Every structure is written in C-alpha cells, then in structure tokens.
C-alpha atoms as a PDB file:
ATOM      1  CA  MET A   1      25.902 -44.052  72.497  1.00  0.00           C
ATOM      2  CA  ARG A   2      29.436 -43.711  73.558  1.00  0.00           C
ATOM      3  CA  ILE A   3      30.185 -40.202  74.342  1.00  0.00           C
ATOM      4  CA  ASN A   4      32.887 -40.239  71.434  1.00  0.00           C
ATOM      5  CA  ASP A   5      30.147 -41.164  68.740  1.00  0.00           C
ATOM      6  CA  LEU A   6      27.727 -38.598  70.086  1.00  0.00           C
ATOM      7  CA  ILE A   7      30.234 -35.750  69.771  1.00  0.00           C
ATOM      8  CA  PHE A   8      31.258 -37.114  66.301  1.00  0.00           C
ATOM      9  CA  LEU A   9      27.539 -37.157  65.368  1.00  0.00           C
ATOM     10  CA  LEU A  10      26.814 -33.502  66.550  1.00  0.00           C
ATOM     11  CA  VAL A  11      29.876 -32.396  64.934  1.00  0.00           C
ATOM     12  CA  ALA A  12      29.032 -33.954  61.392  1.00  0.00           C
ATOM     13  CA  ILE A  13      25.336 -32.255  61.647  1.00  0.00           C
ATOM     14  CA  ALA A  14      27.041 -28.868  62.364  1.00  0.00           C
ATOM     15  CA  VAL A  15      29.317 -29.242  59.273  1.00  0.00           C
ATOM     16  CA  PHE A  16      26.482 -30.390  57.128  1.00  0.00           C
ATOM     17  CA  VAL A  17      24.356 -27.176  57.980  1.00  0.00           C
ATOM     18  CA  LEU A  18      27.097 -24.939  57.681  1.00  0.00           C
ATOM     19  CA  THR A  19      28.160 -26.224  54.185  1.00  0.00           C
ATOM     20  CA  LEU A  20      24.569 -26.104  52.773  1.00  0.00           C
ATOM     21  CA  PRO A  21      25.009 -22.536  51.252  1.00  0.00           C
ATOM     22  CA  LEU A  22      28.175 -23.701  49.553  1.00  0.00           C
ATOM     23  CA  LEU A  23      26.090 -26.568  47.909  1.00  0.00           C
ATOM     24  CA  GLY A  24      23.822 -23.915  46.377  1.00  0.00           C
ATOM     25  CA  VAL A  25      21.117 -24.463  48.680  1.00  0.00           C
ATOM     26  CA  CYS A  26      19.163 -21.509  50.346  1.00  0.00           C
ATOM     27  CA  GLU A  27      16.283 -20.137  51.995  1.00  0.00           C
ATOM     28  CA  ASP A  28      13.315 -17.892  49.969  1.00  0.00           C
ATOM     29  CA  GLY A  29      15.027 -14.604  49.054  1.00  0.00           C
ATOM     30  CA  ASP A  30      18.451 -15.629  49.265  1.00  0.00           C
ATOM     31  CA  ASN A  31      21.279 -16.584  46.997  1.00  0.00           C
ATOM     32  CA  ALA A  32      23.475 -19.523  48.034  1.00  0.00           C
ATOM     33  CA  LEU A  33      27.188 -18.638  48.305  1.00  0.00           C
ATOM     34  CA  LEU A  34      27.813 -20.853  45.097  1.00  0.00           C
ATOM     35  CA  PRO A  35      24.504 -20.620  43.568  1.00  0.00           C
ATOM     36  CA  ILE A  36      23.401 -23.164  40.856  1.00  0.00           C
ATOM     37  CA  THR A  37      23.788 -21.854  37.496  1.00  0.00           C
ATOM     38  CA  ALA A  38      21.121 -22.202  34.287  1.00  0.00           C
ATOM     39  CA  PRO A  39      23.944 -24.297  32.316  1.00  0.00           C
ATOM     40  CA  ASP A  40      24.083 -26.825  35.299  1.00  0.00           C
ATOM     41  CA  ILE A  41      20.228 -27.754  34.488  1.00  0.00           C
ATOM     42  CA  ALA A  42      19.093 -30.295  32.126  1.00  0.00           C
ATOM     43  CA  ASP A  43      21.401 -30.578  29.072  1.00  0.00           C
ATOM     44  CA  GLY A  44      23.256 -27.182  29.997  1.00  0.00           C
ATOM     45  CA  THR A  45      22.292 -25.377  26.610  1.00  0.00           C
ATOM     46  CA  VAL A  46      20.291 -22.710  28.682  1.00  0.00           C
ATOM     47  CA  THR A  47      22.111 -19.764  29.743  1.00  0.00           C
ATOM     48  CA  ASP A  48      21.728 -17.552  32.847  1.00  0.00           C
ATOM     49  CA  VAL A  49      20.167 -14.272  30.640  1.00  0.00           C
ATOM     50  CA  GLU A  50      18.102 -16.854  28.824  1.00  0.00           C
ATOM     51  CA  PHE A  51      16.898 -18.143  32.115  1.00  0.00           C
ATOM     52  CA  GLN A  52      16.242 -14.944  33.656  1.00  0.00           C
ATOM     53  CA  TYR A  53      13.611 -14.072  31.113  1.00  0.00           C
ATOM     54  CA  ILE A  54      11.315 -16.225  32.942  1.00  0.00           C
ATOM     55  CA  ASN A  55      11.070 -13.912  35.305  1.00  0.00           C
ATOM     56  CA  SER A  56       9.029 -11.346  33.402  1.00  0.00           C
ATOM     57  CA  LEU A  57       6.216 -14.129  32.733  1.00  0.00           C
ATOM     58  CA  SER A  58       2.895 -12.631  34.416  1.00  0.00           C
ATOM     59  CA  SER A  59       1.324 -16.398  33.861  1.00  0.00           C
ATOM     60  CA  ASN A  60       1.958 -19.480  32.193  1.00  0.00           C
ATOM     61  CA  ALA A  61       4.024 -18.943  29.078  1.00  0.00           C
ATOM     62  CA  GLN A  62       2.295 -21.508  26.792  1.00  0.00           C
ATOM     63  CA  THR A  63      -1.153 -19.850  27.728  1.00  0.00           C
ATOM     64  CA  GLN A  64       0.451 -16.454  26.689  1.00  0.00           C
ATOM     65  CA  ILE A  65       1.872 -17.942  23.464  1.00  0.00           C
ATOM     66  CA  THR A  66      -1.419 -19.751  22.237  1.00  0.00           C
ATOM     67  CA  ALA A  67      -3.191 -16.267  23.306  1.00  0.00           C
ATOM     68  CA  LYS A  68      -1.065 -14.519  20.715  1.00  0.00           C
ATOM     69  CA  GLY A  69      -2.286 -16.541  17.693  1.00  0.00           C
ATOM     70  CA  ALA A  70      -0.397 -17.979  14.620  1.00  0.00           C
ATOM     71  CA  HIS A  71       1.394 -16.118  11.861  1.00  0.00           C
ATOM     72  CA  ALA A  72      -0.625 -17.851   9.349  1.00  0.00           C
ATOM     73  CA  GLY A  73      -4.075 -18.482   8.855  1.00  0.00           C
ATOM     74  CA  GLN A  74      -5.268 -17.173  11.887  1.00  0.00           C
ATOM     75  CA  ALA A  75      -8.888 -15.068  12.099  1.00  0.00           C
ATOM     76  CA  TRP A  76      -8.423 -11.977  13.702  1.00  0.00           C
ATOM     77  CA  THR A  77     -10.831 -10.266  15.643  1.00  0.00           C
ATOM     78  CA  GLY A  78     -11.513  -6.727  17.372  1.00  0.00           C
ATOM     79  CA  ALA A  79      -9.815  -3.554  16.369  1.00  0.00           C
ATOM     80  CA  HIS A  80      -5.903  -3.460  15.525  1.00  0.00           C
ATOM     81  CA  ASP A  81      -4.541  -0.039  15.649  1.00  0.00           C
ATOM     82  CA  PHE A  82      -1.980   0.579  12.629  1.00  0.00           C
ATOM     83  CA  GLY A  83      -1.478   4.357  13.620  1.00  0.00           C
ATOM     84  CA  GLY A  84       2.273   4.089  14.444  1.00  0.00           C
ATOM     85  CA  ALA A  85       3.313   2.855  10.966  1.00  0.00           C
ATOM     86  CA  THR A  86       3.585   4.953   8.021  1.00  0.00           C
ATOM     87  CA  THR A  87       2.653   2.017   5.594  1.00  0.00           C
ATOM     88  CA  VAL A  88       0.890  -1.063   5.794  1.00  0.00           C
ATOM     89  CA  GLU A  89       1.357  -3.706   2.786  1.00  0.00           C
ATOM     90  CA  ILE A  90      -2.058  -5.388   1.763  1.00  0.00           C
ATOM     91  CA  PRO A  91      -1.909  -9.012  -0.420  1.00  0.00           C
ATOM     92  CA  ASN A  92      -0.952  -8.119  -4.071  1.00  0.00           C
ATOM     93  CA  GLY A  93      -0.063 -10.008  -6.955  1.00  0.00           C
ATOM     94  CA  ASP A  94      -1.007 -10.597 -10.523  1.00  0.00           C
ATOM     95  CA  SER A  95      -4.804 -11.228 -10.626  1.00  0.00           C
ATOM     96  CA  PRO A  96      -5.100 -12.371  -6.870  1.00  0.00           C
ATOM     97  CA  ASP A  97      -8.706 -13.933  -6.038  1.00  0.00           C
ATOM     98  CA  ALA A  98     -10.709 -11.887  -3.599  1.00  0.00           C
ATOM     99  CA  SER A  99     -13.692 -13.700  -3.643  1.00  0.00           C
ATOM    100  CA  THR A 100     -14.717 -13.881  -0.243  1.00  0.00           C
ATOM    101  CA  GLN A 101     -16.554 -11.178   1.715  1.00  0.00           C
ATOM    102  CA  GLY A 102     -14.595  -8.440   2.954  1.00  0.00           C
ATOM    103  CA  GLU A 103     -11.198  -9.615   1.321  1.00  0.00           C
ATOM    104  CA  ILE A 104      -9.178  -7.085  -0.625  1.00  0.00           C
ATOM    105  CA  ALA A 105      -6.050  -7.380  -2.599  1.00  0.00           C
ATOM    106  CA  VAL A 106      -3.962  -5.148  -4.877  1.00  0.00           C
ATOM    107  CA  ASP A 107      -3.887  -6.480  -8.871  1.00  0.00           C
ATOM    108  CA  THR A 108      -0.487  -5.502 -10.075  1.00  0.00           C
ATOM    109  CA  ASP A 109      -2.120  -5.215 -13.538  1.00  0.00           C
ATOM    110  CA  GLY A 110      -3.690  -1.721 -12.170  1.00  0.00           C
ATOM    111  CA  TRP A 111      -6.815  -2.939  -9.937  1.00  0.00           C
ATOM    112  CA  LEU A 112      -7.856  -2.821  -6.434  1.00  0.00           C
ATOM    113  CA  ARG A 113      -9.933  -5.889  -6.031  1.00  0.00           C
ATOM    114  CA  VAL A 114     -12.786  -5.806  -3.200  1.00  0.00           C
ATOM    115  CA  SER A 115     -15.452  -8.592  -2.545  1.00  0.00           C
ATOM    116  CA  ASP A 116     -18.681  -7.899  -0.962  1.00  0.00           C
ATOM    117  CA  ASP A 117     -19.456 -11.735  -0.769  1.00  0.00           C
ATOM    118  CA  VAL A 118     -21.528 -11.481  -4.241  1.00  0.00           C
ATOM    119  CA  ASP A 119     -19.247 -10.219  -6.563  1.00  0.00           C
ATOM    120  CA  GLU A 120     -15.404  -9.280  -6.745  1.00  0.00           C
ATOM    121  CA  LYS A 121     -15.190  -5.854  -8.018  1.00  0.00           C
ATOM    122  CA  GLY A 122     -12.507  -3.955  -9.678  1.00  0.00           C
ATOM    123  CA  ILE A 123     -11.231  -0.132  -8.589  1.00  0.00           C
ATOM    124  CA  PRO A 124      -9.244   1.004 -10.866  1.00  0.00           C
ATOM    125  CA  LEU A 125      -5.965   2.423  -9.461  1.00  0.00           C
ATOM    126  CA  ASP A 126      -5.819   4.877 -13.076  1.00  0.00           C
ATOM    127  CA  LYS A 127      -8.065   7.606 -13.802  1.00  0.00           C
ATOM    128  CA  THR A 128      -9.815   7.992 -17.063  1.00  0.00           C
ATOM    129  CA  ILE A 129     -11.283  11.454 -18.336  1.00  0.00           C
ATOM    130  CA  GLN A 130     -14.105  11.281 -20.516  1.00  0.00           C
ATOM    131  CA  PHE A 131     -15.049  14.180 -23.020  1.00  0.00           C
ATOM    132  CA  THR A 132     -17.266  14.753 -25.772  1.00  0.00           C
ATOM    133  CA  VAL A 133     -18.192  17.775 -27.804  1.00  0.00           C
ATOM    134  CA  ILE A 134     -21.536  17.986 -30.254  1.00  0.00           C
ATOM    135  CA  ASN A 135     -20.523  20.090 -33.321  1.00  0.00           C
ATOM    136  CA  PRO A 136     -17.377  21.863 -32.006  1.00  0.00           C
ATOM    137  CA  ASN A 137     -17.144  24.180 -35.086  1.00  0.00           C
ATOM    138  CA  ASP A 138     -20.834  25.816 -33.696  1.00  0.00           C
ATOM    139  CA  MET A 139     -18.851  27.266 -30.421  1.00  0.00           C
ATOM    140  CA  GLU A 140     -17.148  30.760 -30.882  1.00  0.00           C
ATOM    141  CA  ASP A 141     -13.716  30.640 -32.240  1.00  0.00           C
ATOM    142  CA  GLY A 142     -12.443  31.323 -28.430  1.00  0.00           C
ATOM    143  CA  VAL A 143     -13.837  28.390 -26.861  1.00  0.00           C
ATOM    144  CA  ARG A 144     -13.296  26.107 -29.668  1.00  0.00           C
ATOM    145  CA  ASP A 145      -9.406  27.070 -29.589  1.00  0.00           C
ATOM    146  CA  ALA A 146      -9.542  26.371 -25.913  1.00  0.00           C
ATOM    147  CA  CYS A 147     -12.553  24.069 -25.059  1.00  0.00           C
ATOM    148  CA  ILE A 148     -11.832  23.005 -21.181  1.00  0.00           C
ATOM    149  CA  VAL A 149     -11.936  19.557 -20.606  1.00  0.00           C
ATOM    150  CA  TRP A 150     -10.885  18.855 -16.965  1.00  0.00           C
ATOM    151  CA  SER A 151      -9.276  20.856 -13.984  1.00  0.00           C
ATOM    152  CA  ASN A 152      -6.831  18.902 -11.406  1.00  0.00           C
ATOM    153  CA  GLU A 153      -8.104  19.740  -8.164  1.00  0.00           C
ATOM    154  CA  THR A 154      -6.527  16.803  -6.453  1.00  0.00           C
ATOM    155  CA  GLY A 155      -3.360  18.259  -4.859  1.00  0.00           C
ATOM    156  CA  MET A 156      -1.323  15.780  -6.732  1.00  0.00           C
ATOM    157  CA  THR A 157       0.277  15.786 -10.301  1.00  0.00           C
ATOM    158  CA  PHE A 158      -1.785  13.899 -13.096  1.00  0.00           C
ATOM    159  CA  ILE A 159       0.386  12.086 -15.438  1.00  0.00           C
ATOM    160  CA  ILE A 160      -1.169  11.397 -18.806  1.00  0.00           C
ATOM    161  CA  ASP A 161      -0.177   7.888 -20.047  1.00  0.00           C
ATOM    162  CA  GLU A 162      -2.229   7.565 -23.079  1.00  0.00           C
ATOM    163  CA  TYR A 163      -5.255   9.447 -24.821  1.00  0.00           C
ATOM    164  CA  LYS A 164      -7.320   8.604 -28.046  1.00  0.00           C
ATOM    165  CA  GLY A 165     -10.430   9.843 -29.767  1.00  0.00           C
ATOM    166  CA  TRP A 166     -13.265   9.376 -32.090  1.00  0.00           C
ATOM    167  CA  SER A 167     -15.039  11.397 -34.392  1.00  0.00           C
ATOM    168  CA  ASP A 168     -18.037  11.021 -37.020  1.00  0.00           C
ATOM    169  CA  THR A 169     -16.020  12.691 -39.865  1.00  0.00           C
ATOM    170  CA  ASP A 170     -12.775  12.040 -41.566  1.00  0.00           C
ATOM    171  CA  ASP A 171      -9.274  13.745 -40.427  1.00  0.00           C
ATOM    172  CA  THR A 172     -10.677  15.585 -37.644  1.00  0.00           C
ATOM    173  CA  THR A 173      -7.706  17.269 -36.168  1.00  0.00           C
ATOM    174  CA  LEU A 174      -7.155  18.381 -32.652  1.00  0.00           C
ATOM    175  CA  ASN A 175      -4.491  19.241 -29.773  1.00  0.00           C
ATOM    176  CA  LEU A 176      -4.255  18.738 -26.155  1.00  0.00           C
ATOM    177  CA  GLU A 177      -2.990  21.495 -24.159  1.00  0.00           C
ATOM    178  CA  GLU A 178      -2.548  22.761 -20.412  1.00  0.00           C
ATOM    179  CA  GLU A 179      -2.308  25.660 -18.558  1.00  0.00           C
ATOM    180  CA  ASP A 180      -2.621  27.530 -15.123  1.00  0.00           C
ATOM    181  CA  ALA A 181      -5.963  27.620 -13.683  1.00  0.00           C
ATOM    182  CA  ASP A 182      -6.206  31.708 -14.752  1.00  0.00           C
ATOM    183  CA  GLY A 183      -5.597  30.509 -18.474  1.00  0.00           C
ATOM    184  CA  ALA A 184      -1.872  32.030 -18.384  1.00  0.00           C
ATOM    185  CA  ASN A 185       1.391  29.507 -19.611  1.00  0.00           C
ATOM    186  CA  ASN A 186      -0.806  27.776 -21.977  1.00  0.00           C
ATOM    187  CA  GLY A 187       1.214  24.913 -23.840  1.00  0.00           C
ATOM    188  CA  SER A 188       0.755  21.758 -25.419  1.00  0.00           C
ATOM    189  CA  ILE A 189       0.940  18.344 -24.073  1.00  0.00           C
ATOM    190  CA  ASP A 190       1.882  16.651 -27.052  1.00  0.00           C
ATOM    191  CA  GLU A 191       3.781  17.916 -29.886  1.00  0.00           C
ATOM    192  CA  THR A 192       1.976  15.663 -32.246  1.00  0.00           C
ATOM    193  CA  SER A 193      -1.363  16.611 -33.069  1.00  0.00           C
ATOM    194  CA  LEU A 194      -4.334  13.929 -32.425  1.00  0.00           C
ATOM    195  CA  GLU A 195      -5.453  12.822 -36.004  1.00  0.00           C
ATOM    196  CA  LEU A 196      -8.866  11.023 -36.313  1.00  0.00           C
ATOM    197  CA  ALA A 197      -8.472   9.147 -39.433  1.00  0.00           C
ATOM    198  CA  THR A 198      -8.581   5.595 -39.111  1.00  0.00           C
ATOM    199  CA  ASP A 199     -11.828   4.630 -40.819  1.00  0.00           C
ATOM    200  CA  GLY A 200     -14.032   2.370 -38.255  1.00  0.00           C
ATOM    201  CA  THR A 201     -17.610   1.087 -38.641  1.00  0.00           C
ATOM    202  CA  GLY A 202     -19.174   4.848 -38.921  1.00  0.00           C
ATOM    203  CA  VAL A 203     -16.550   6.101 -36.825  1.00  0.00           C
ATOM    204  CA  TYR A 204     -12.975   7.659 -37.217  1.00  0.00           C
ATOM    205  CA  THR A 205     -10.601   7.115 -34.582  1.00  0.00           C
ATOM    206  CA  GLY A 206      -6.820   7.995 -33.679  1.00  0.00           C
ATOM    207  CA  ALA A 207      -4.639   7.694 -30.579  1.00  0.00           C
ATOM    208  CA  ASP A 208      -1.166   9.028 -29.369  1.00  0.00           C
ATOM    209  CA  ASP A 209       1.934   7.622 -30.804  1.00  0.00           C
ATOM    210  CA  GLY A 210       3.157   6.628 -27.530  1.00  0.00           C
ATOM    211  CA  THR A 211       5.108   9.676 -26.802  1.00  0.00           C
ATOM    212  CA  ILE A 212       3.643  12.615 -24.899  1.00  0.00           C
ATOM    213  CA  ASN A 213       5.866  15.239 -24.807  1.00  0.00           C
ATOM    214  CA  ALA A 214       4.659  17.067 -21.602  1.00  0.00           C
ATOM    215  CA  PRO A 215       2.353  14.684 -19.621  1.00  0.00           C
ATOM    216  CA  ASN A 216       2.252  16.143 -16.158  1.00  0.00           C
ATOM    217  CA  ILE A 217      -0.748  18.243 -15.083  1.00  0.00           C
ATOM    218  CA  GLU A 218      -0.005  19.972 -11.923  1.00  0.00           C
ATOM    219  CA  THR A 219      -2.750  20.273  -9.428  1.00  0.00           C
ATOM    220  CA  GLY A 220      -4.490  23.236 -10.027  1.00  0.00           C
ATOM    221  CA  HIS A 221      -3.977  23.364 -13.777  1.00  0.00           C
ATOM    222  CA  ILE A 222      -6.499  22.531 -16.371  1.00  0.00           C
ATOM    223  CA  ILE A 223      -6.540  20.135 -19.638  1.00  0.00           C
ATOM    224  CA  LEU A 224      -8.260  22.122 -22.747  1.00  0.00           C
ATOM    225  CA  VAL A 225      -8.849  20.742 -26.352  1.00  0.00           C
ATOM    226  CA  ASP A 226      -7.787  23.090 -29.207  1.00  0.00           C
ATOM    227  CA  PHE A 227     -10.137  21.876 -32.418  1.00  0.00           C
ATOM    228  CA  ASP A 228      -8.970  22.539 -36.042  1.00  0.00           C
ATOM    229  CA  ASP A 229     -10.841  25.530 -37.305  1.00  0.00           C
ATOM    230  CA  THR A 230     -10.946  23.748 -40.653  1.00  0.00           C
ATOM    231  CA  ASP A 231     -13.000  20.608 -39.139  1.00  0.00           C
ATOM    232  CA  ASP A 232     -16.716  20.223 -38.953  1.00  0.00           C
ATOM    233  CA  PRO A 233     -17.274  17.166 -37.235  1.00  0.00           C
ATOM    234  CA  GLY A 234     -20.759  16.306 -35.571  1.00  0.00           C
ATOM    235  CA  MET A 235     -19.465  14.503 -32.662  1.00  0.00           C
ATOM    236  CA  VAL A 236     -15.947  14.411 -31.169  1.00  0.00           C
ATOM    237  CA  LYS A 237     -15.339  12.133 -27.981  1.00  0.00           C
ATOM    238  CA  ILE A 238     -11.917  11.819 -25.960  1.00  0.00           C
ATOM    239  CA  THR A 239     -10.676   9.651 -23.753  1.00  0.00           C
ATOM    240  CA  ILE A 240      -7.419  10.515 -21.524  1.00  0.00           C
ATOM    241  CA  LYS A 241      -6.061   7.816 -19.312  1.00  0.00           C
ATOM    242  CA  GLY A 242      -3.274   8.420 -16.602  1.00  0.00           C
ATOM    243  CA  HIS A 243      -2.496   8.263 -12.911  1.00  0.00           C
ATOM    244  CA  PHE A 244      -1.630  10.390  -9.881  1.00  0.00           C
ATOM    245  CA  ASP A 245       1.584  10.626  -8.679  1.00  0.00           C
ATOM    246  CA  GLY A 246       0.995   9.788  -4.977  1.00  0.00           C
ATOM    247  CA  ASP A 247       4.787  10.913  -3.932  1.00  0.00           C
ATOM    248  CA  VAL A 248       3.820  14.294  -2.354  1.00  0.00           C
ATOM    249  CA  ASP A 249       4.128  15.600   1.113  1.00  0.00           C
END
C-alpha cells in the first residue's frame, strides 16, 4: 500500500469515528448529538412522550396487562378495597336473575335479590308495619284514642306510601296519627279517616285514598291509631307500607 493510500484510509477512519455521534450512535448512558426520535422508528406514529412510557414498566408489558384481568367476564379473587369510594354500584334492573350462589342484584321493583345457590331470596327495600288489635273498645278511652303502633328509632325519616286495614265488623273507622316520643305535637297523618266498609268474605276492608297529607314520620316520632268510640269491632288489622329516606348525614 502506498503511503498516500494509507494516509487516506486513516483519515477516513478518523472521520467515521468522529461523526458517529452525529449519526445517533452513542455509548450506554449517553445521548447522541442527533438522537433518534420515536417518530423515526417503525411507521412514525409513536411520539417521544408515548415511547418514554416504556421507561416506567417494571417487567414485560404483556405479562402485566394479562395479570390485570379482563373488564368483562373476569372471576375476581382475594380482597378488594373500595374504602376510598363514597358509593359502589351493584348490578340492577327489572327482574334481574340472581340464581348462582353469592350473586346479588337490585330489582328496580323494590327488591334486593340474593342467591344462596338453593333459592333466589328477595329482601324488600320498603318497610311494612303490621298491627292487630283485639276488641279495641275494651281499652281505656285514653289508650283507644292513642294506641301506639310503632316508634321510629332508625335515625332516618320514614315516609308512608300507603296503608290499609281489615275489620270483622262493617263501618269501622280509625285515624292514623303521629306525634313526638313524649306525646307532644299530635297530628293526623291523613286528613281522611280510614273507613273499613268494603264487604269481603267475612271481613271488611279499606285503604287510603291515594293522597296522604302528612306521610313523613321523623326519627324519634311514633305512629298511633285513634279508634272511633262508637264502633265495637272484635278485631282490627292495619298494614302500613313505606320507605326510609336514605338521604341523611
């Protein structure tokens, strides 16, 4: 090799080595003077910011994704802490089918459906108060005029949605009333008296007219029945149906 050729070769090698950083080639831990950007990789649709996300991965990305489970149809195991949430929505709808052990759902007809793998059991979201009195006219006047049915000790307001009654005699009249626990501030729940006059089979029935004027029974208050002094039934049964106002502090 002639001396000129050797000199030319050495110069070419030196130029190549010196220009490596400009080509985006660098040693471990170093950034090139002209680094290769993410859009220069593959089809160019990945940005530098998106590419940098890889830096936060602690292991194989697909392994971590698979371990998270599917959003639908996943069988979850272990404890799940929802303590940071204020509410959690459980499955709900019109006549949901909770037929497998442990399944739970809210029926929009007013039921909580739960399965024990044998039966699908329903828990009503409404409250029903049942009250039966035998020979109310045998009671003292003060008791008959303010016969205590139920006291609200729940911390929530109970709202009466409907009520009805049965009697063994025709035209039995009664009034539903509400008052403080100490008997103060007595008032009628409904302006219309309940008349048990519809002739059934061996029993007379009646129900509210669809408008209850003062249905809210505050916590600490009581429901009473005032029987008409002129009636003399042998038996009176009253059913009160309502719900609790859950919007409380």
